N, C-alpha and C. Protein backbone atom coordinates (compact mmCIF):
# COMPACT_ATOMS: atom_id res chain seq x y z
N MET A 1 0.84 -1.19 0.00
CA MET A 1 0.00 0.00 0.00
C MET A 1 0.88 1.24 0.00
N ASN A 2 0.42 2.24 -0.72
CA ASN A 2 1.17 3.49 -0.70
C ASN A 2 0.53 4.44 0.32
N ALA A 3 1.16 5.58 0.54
CA ALA A 3 0.72 6.53 1.57
C ALA A 3 -0.71 7.02 1.33
N VAL A 4 -1.08 7.24 0.10
CA VAL A 4 -2.43 7.73 -0.21
C VAL A 4 -3.47 6.67 0.15
N GLU A 5 -3.19 5.41 -0.19
CA GLU A 5 -4.12 4.33 0.14
C GLU A 5 -4.27 4.17 1.65
N ILE A 6 -3.17 4.28 2.37
CA ILE A 6 -3.21 4.17 3.83
C ILE A 6 -4.03 5.32 4.41
N GLU A 7 -3.79 6.53 3.91
CA GLU A 7 -4.52 7.71 4.40
C GLU A 7 -6.02 7.55 4.16
N GLU A 8 -6.41 7.05 3.00
CA GLU A 8 -7.82 6.82 2.70
C GLU A 8 -8.43 5.79 3.64
N ALA A 9 -7.69 4.71 3.88
CA ALA A 9 -8.19 3.65 4.76
C ALA A 9 -8.33 4.15 6.20
N ILE A 10 -7.38 4.94 6.66
CA ILE A 10 -7.45 5.49 8.02
C ILE A 10 -8.59 6.50 8.13
N SER A 11 -8.80 7.30 7.09
CA SER A 11 -9.91 8.26 7.09
C SER A 11 -11.25 7.53 7.18
N LYS A 12 -11.40 6.45 6.43
CA LYS A 12 -12.63 5.65 6.49
C LYS A 12 -12.82 5.05 7.88
N LEU A 13 -11.72 4.58 8.46
CA LEU A 13 -11.78 4.00 9.80
C LEU A 13 -12.22 5.06 10.82
N ALA A 14 -11.72 6.27 10.68
CA ALA A 14 -12.07 7.35 11.61
C ALA A 14 -13.55 7.73 11.52
N GLU A 15 -14.17 7.49 10.39
CA GLU A 15 -15.59 7.82 10.21
C GLU A 15 -16.50 6.77 10.84
N GLN A 16 -15.99 5.59 11.11
CA GLN A 16 -16.80 4.50 11.67
C GLN A 16 -17.00 4.69 13.17
N PRO A 17 -18.10 4.14 13.71
CA PRO A 17 -18.27 4.15 15.17
C PRO A 17 -17.11 3.38 15.81
N PHE A 18 -16.63 3.88 16.94
CA PHE A 18 -15.49 3.26 17.60
C PHE A 18 -15.91 2.00 18.35
N ASP A 19 -15.25 0.90 18.05
CA ASP A 19 -15.45 -0.37 18.74
C ASP A 19 -14.08 -0.81 19.26
N PRO A 20 -13.84 -0.65 20.57
CA PRO A 20 -12.51 -0.95 21.11
C PRO A 20 -12.04 -2.38 20.88
N ALA A 21 -12.97 -3.32 20.83
CA ALA A 21 -12.58 -4.73 20.62
C ALA A 21 -12.12 -4.98 19.19
N GLN A 22 -12.67 -4.25 18.24
CA GLN A 22 -12.36 -4.47 16.82
C GLN A 22 -11.32 -3.50 16.27
N PHE A 23 -11.09 -2.39 16.98
CA PHE A 23 -10.21 -1.36 16.44
C PHE A 23 -8.80 -1.85 16.10
N PRO A 24 -8.14 -2.62 16.97
CA PRO A 24 -6.77 -3.05 16.61
C PRO A 24 -6.71 -3.78 15.26
N TYR A 25 -7.70 -4.61 14.99
CA TYR A 25 -7.73 -5.36 13.74
C TYR A 25 -8.02 -4.45 12.55
N ALA A 26 -8.95 -3.52 12.73
CA ALA A 26 -9.28 -2.58 11.65
C ALA A 26 -8.09 -1.68 11.36
N PHE A 27 -7.36 -1.29 12.39
CA PHE A 27 -6.18 -0.45 12.23
C PHE A 27 -5.11 -1.18 11.42
N LEU A 28 -4.86 -2.44 11.78
CA LEU A 28 -3.87 -3.23 11.04
C LEU A 28 -4.30 -3.46 9.60
N GLU A 29 -5.59 -3.69 9.40
CA GLU A 29 -6.11 -3.87 8.05
C GLU A 29 -5.93 -2.60 7.22
N ALA A 30 -6.13 -1.44 7.85
CA ALA A 30 -5.96 -0.16 7.15
C ALA A 30 -4.52 0.03 6.69
N PHE A 31 -3.59 -0.60 7.37
CA PHE A 31 -2.18 -0.49 6.99
C PHE A 31 -1.73 -1.62 6.07
N GLY A 32 -2.71 -2.36 5.52
CA GLY A 32 -2.38 -3.33 4.49
C GLY A 32 -2.18 -4.76 4.92
N ASN A 33 -2.47 -5.08 6.19
CA ASN A 33 -2.38 -6.48 6.61
C ASN A 33 -3.45 -7.29 5.89
N LYS A 34 -3.08 -8.46 5.44
CA LYS A 34 -4.00 -9.32 4.69
C LYS A 34 -5.07 -9.92 5.59
N ALA A 35 -6.18 -10.31 4.99
CA ALA A 35 -7.30 -10.91 5.72
C ALA A 35 -6.84 -12.15 6.49
N THR A 36 -5.94 -12.92 5.90
CA THR A 36 -5.43 -14.13 6.56
C THR A 36 -4.68 -13.76 7.84
N THR A 37 -3.88 -12.72 7.78
CA THR A 37 -3.13 -12.26 8.95
C THR A 37 -4.08 -11.81 10.04
N ILE A 38 -5.09 -11.03 9.68
CA ILE A 38 -6.07 -10.54 10.65
C ILE A 38 -6.81 -11.72 11.27
N SER A 39 -7.18 -12.68 10.47
CA SER A 39 -7.88 -13.87 10.96
C SER A 39 -7.03 -14.64 11.97
N ARG A 40 -5.77 -14.79 11.69
CA ARG A 40 -4.86 -15.50 12.61
C ARG A 40 -4.68 -14.73 13.92
N LEU A 41 -4.62 -13.40 13.82
CA LEU A 41 -4.51 -12.59 15.03
C LEU A 41 -5.79 -12.71 15.86
N ARG A 42 -6.94 -12.64 15.21
CA ARG A 42 -8.23 -12.75 15.92
C ARG A 42 -8.36 -14.10 16.64
N SER A 43 -7.92 -15.16 15.99
CA SER A 43 -8.05 -16.50 16.58
C SER A 43 -7.05 -16.73 17.69
N GLY A 44 -6.03 -15.89 17.76
CA GLY A 44 -5.01 -16.05 18.80
C GLY A 44 -3.81 -16.85 18.33
N ASN A 45 -3.86 -17.42 17.12
CA ASN A 45 -2.74 -18.23 16.63
C ASN A 45 -1.45 -17.43 16.51
N SER A 46 -1.55 -16.18 16.06
CA SER A 46 -0.33 -15.37 15.92
C SER A 46 -0.35 -14.14 16.81
N ASN A 47 -1.38 -13.97 17.63
CA ASN A 47 -1.45 -12.85 18.56
C ASN A 47 -0.73 -13.27 19.84
N LYS A 48 0.44 -12.71 20.08
CA LYS A 48 1.31 -13.16 21.17
C LYS A 48 1.20 -12.33 22.44
N THR A 49 0.17 -11.51 22.56
CA THR A 49 0.03 -10.67 23.74
C THR A 49 -0.51 -11.47 24.92
N ASP A 50 -0.25 -10.96 26.10
CA ASP A 50 -0.82 -11.54 27.31
C ASP A 50 -1.74 -10.53 28.00
N ILE A 51 -2.14 -9.50 27.25
CA ILE A 51 -3.02 -8.46 27.77
C ILE A 51 -4.39 -8.62 27.10
N ALA A 52 -5.43 -8.73 27.90
CA ALA A 52 -6.78 -8.90 27.35
C ALA A 52 -7.15 -7.72 26.46
N GLY A 53 -7.63 -8.01 25.27
CA GLY A 53 -8.06 -6.98 24.33
C GLY A 53 -6.97 -6.36 23.50
N ALA A 54 -5.72 -6.72 23.74
CA ALA A 54 -4.60 -6.17 22.99
C ALA A 54 -4.23 -7.10 21.83
N VAL A 55 -3.46 -6.57 20.90
CA VAL A 55 -2.96 -7.35 19.77
C VAL A 55 -1.45 -7.12 19.68
N LEU A 56 -0.70 -8.19 19.63
CA LEU A 56 0.75 -8.13 19.46
C LEU A 56 1.11 -8.91 18.20
N GLN A 57 1.53 -8.18 17.20
CA GLN A 57 1.91 -8.79 15.93
C GLN A 57 3.43 -8.84 15.86
N TYR A 58 3.96 -10.02 15.64
CA TYR A 58 5.41 -10.22 15.59
C TYR A 58 6.08 -9.23 14.65
N ASN A 59 7.15 -8.63 15.13
CA ASN A 59 8.00 -7.74 14.34
C ASN A 59 7.24 -6.51 13.82
N ASN A 60 6.15 -6.13 14.50
CA ASN A 60 5.39 -4.99 14.03
C ASN A 60 4.90 -4.11 15.17
N ILE A 61 3.81 -4.51 15.84
CA ILE A 61 3.11 -3.59 16.74
C ILE A 61 2.48 -4.32 17.92
N HIS A 62 2.39 -3.61 19.03
CA HIS A 62 1.61 -4.03 20.19
C HIS A 62 0.59 -2.92 20.40
N ILE A 63 -0.69 -3.21 20.23
CA ILE A 63 -1.75 -2.20 20.22
C ILE A 63 -2.89 -2.61 21.13
N SER A 64 -3.47 -1.62 21.81
CA SER A 64 -4.59 -1.89 22.70
C SER A 64 -5.46 -0.65 22.81
N ALA A 65 -6.76 -0.86 22.93
CA ALA A 65 -7.68 0.23 23.26
C ALA A 65 -7.69 0.37 24.78
N CYS A 66 -7.94 1.57 25.26
CA CYS A 66 -7.98 1.77 26.70
C CYS A 66 -9.03 2.82 27.05
N PRO A 67 -9.50 2.80 28.29
CA PRO A 67 -10.46 3.80 28.72
C PRO A 67 -9.81 5.19 28.78
N ALA A 68 -10.63 6.22 28.61
CA ALA A 68 -10.12 7.59 28.72
C ALA A 68 -9.46 7.77 30.08
N GLY A 69 -8.33 8.45 30.08
CA GLY A 69 -7.60 8.70 31.32
C GLY A 69 -6.59 7.64 31.68
N GLU A 70 -6.52 6.56 30.91
CA GLU A 70 -5.58 5.48 31.23
C GLU A 70 -4.53 5.28 30.14
N VAL A 71 -4.29 6.31 29.35
CA VAL A 71 -3.36 6.20 28.23
C VAL A 71 -1.95 5.89 28.71
N LEU A 72 -1.43 6.68 29.64
CA LEU A 72 -0.06 6.45 30.11
C LEU A 72 0.10 5.09 30.78
N LYS A 73 -0.89 4.71 31.56
CA LYS A 73 -0.85 3.41 32.24
C LYS A 73 -0.83 2.27 31.21
N THR A 74 -1.66 2.40 30.18
CA THR A 74 -1.72 1.36 29.15
C THR A 74 -0.43 1.31 28.34
N LEU A 75 0.11 2.47 27.99
CA LEU A 75 1.39 2.50 27.27
C LEU A 75 2.50 1.85 28.08
N GLU A 76 2.55 2.15 29.38
CA GLU A 76 3.55 1.53 30.26
C GLU A 76 3.38 0.02 30.28
N LYS A 77 2.13 -0.42 30.38
CA LYS A 77 1.86 -1.86 30.42
C LYS A 77 2.34 -2.54 29.14
N LEU A 78 2.02 -1.93 27.98
CA LEU A 78 2.46 -2.49 26.70
C LEU A 78 3.98 -2.48 26.58
N ARG A 79 4.58 -1.38 26.95
CA ARG A 79 6.02 -1.21 26.81
C ARG A 79 6.81 -2.16 27.70
N ASN A 80 6.29 -2.42 28.90
CA ASN A 80 7.04 -3.22 29.87
C ASN A 80 6.78 -4.71 29.83
N ARG A 81 5.91 -5.16 28.96
CA ARG A 81 5.65 -6.59 28.84
C ARG A 81 6.83 -7.28 28.18
N PRO A 82 7.30 -8.38 28.76
CA PRO A 82 8.39 -9.13 28.13
C PRO A 82 8.06 -9.56 26.70
N ALA A 83 6.80 -9.87 26.43
CA ALA A 83 6.40 -10.30 25.09
C ALA A 83 6.64 -9.21 24.05
N THR A 84 6.53 -7.95 24.45
CA THR A 84 6.75 -6.85 23.51
C THR A 84 8.16 -6.91 22.93
N ASN A 85 9.14 -7.10 23.80
CA ASN A 85 10.53 -7.22 23.34
C ASN A 85 10.79 -8.55 22.65
N ARG A 86 10.25 -9.61 23.22
CA ARG A 86 10.47 -10.94 22.66
C ARG A 86 9.91 -11.05 21.23
N GLN A 87 8.78 -10.40 20.97
CA GLN A 87 8.16 -10.45 19.65
C GLN A 87 8.63 -9.31 18.74
N LYS A 88 9.60 -8.54 19.21
CA LYS A 88 10.26 -7.49 18.43
C LYS A 88 9.30 -6.44 17.88
N ALA A 89 8.34 -6.03 18.73
CA ALA A 89 7.39 -4.99 18.32
C ALA A 89 8.13 -3.67 18.13
N LYS A 90 7.95 -3.06 16.97
CA LYS A 90 8.59 -1.79 16.65
C LYS A 90 7.75 -0.62 17.13
N PHE A 91 6.43 -0.82 17.18
CA PHE A 91 5.50 0.24 17.53
C PHE A 91 4.64 -0.19 18.71
N ILE A 92 4.40 0.73 19.62
CA ILE A 92 3.49 0.51 20.73
C ILE A 92 2.44 1.59 20.61
N HIS A 93 1.17 1.17 20.56
CA HIS A 93 0.11 2.12 20.28
C HIS A 93 -1.12 1.79 21.11
N GLU A 94 -1.75 2.83 21.65
CA GLU A 94 -3.00 2.65 22.36
C GLU A 94 -4.01 3.62 21.78
N VAL A 95 -5.25 3.29 21.94
CA VAL A 95 -6.35 4.12 21.46
C VAL A 95 -7.35 4.24 22.58
N PHE A 96 -7.84 5.43 22.81
CA PHE A 96 -8.85 5.61 23.86
C PHE A 96 -10.07 6.27 23.31
């Protein structure tokens, strides 16, 4: 995907009602992850996180939705998890 395609996908995502349980998958899909990859993450086969509701994709991202006011706490939790380093996550992202 090129930058314009990503921007269009993210804009469409921003227009949708926010669903914290589905957002990590929609976010990854907007950045060009294939349906097979998303399916494997949803099933837990390739989602290596130990945090409920979070998604950890190997060599990519550790992402989680969080309640308003808990952004720093959630970022700390994602950043300090051994799995984050073990799975070589380059990006840590939370959404509230």
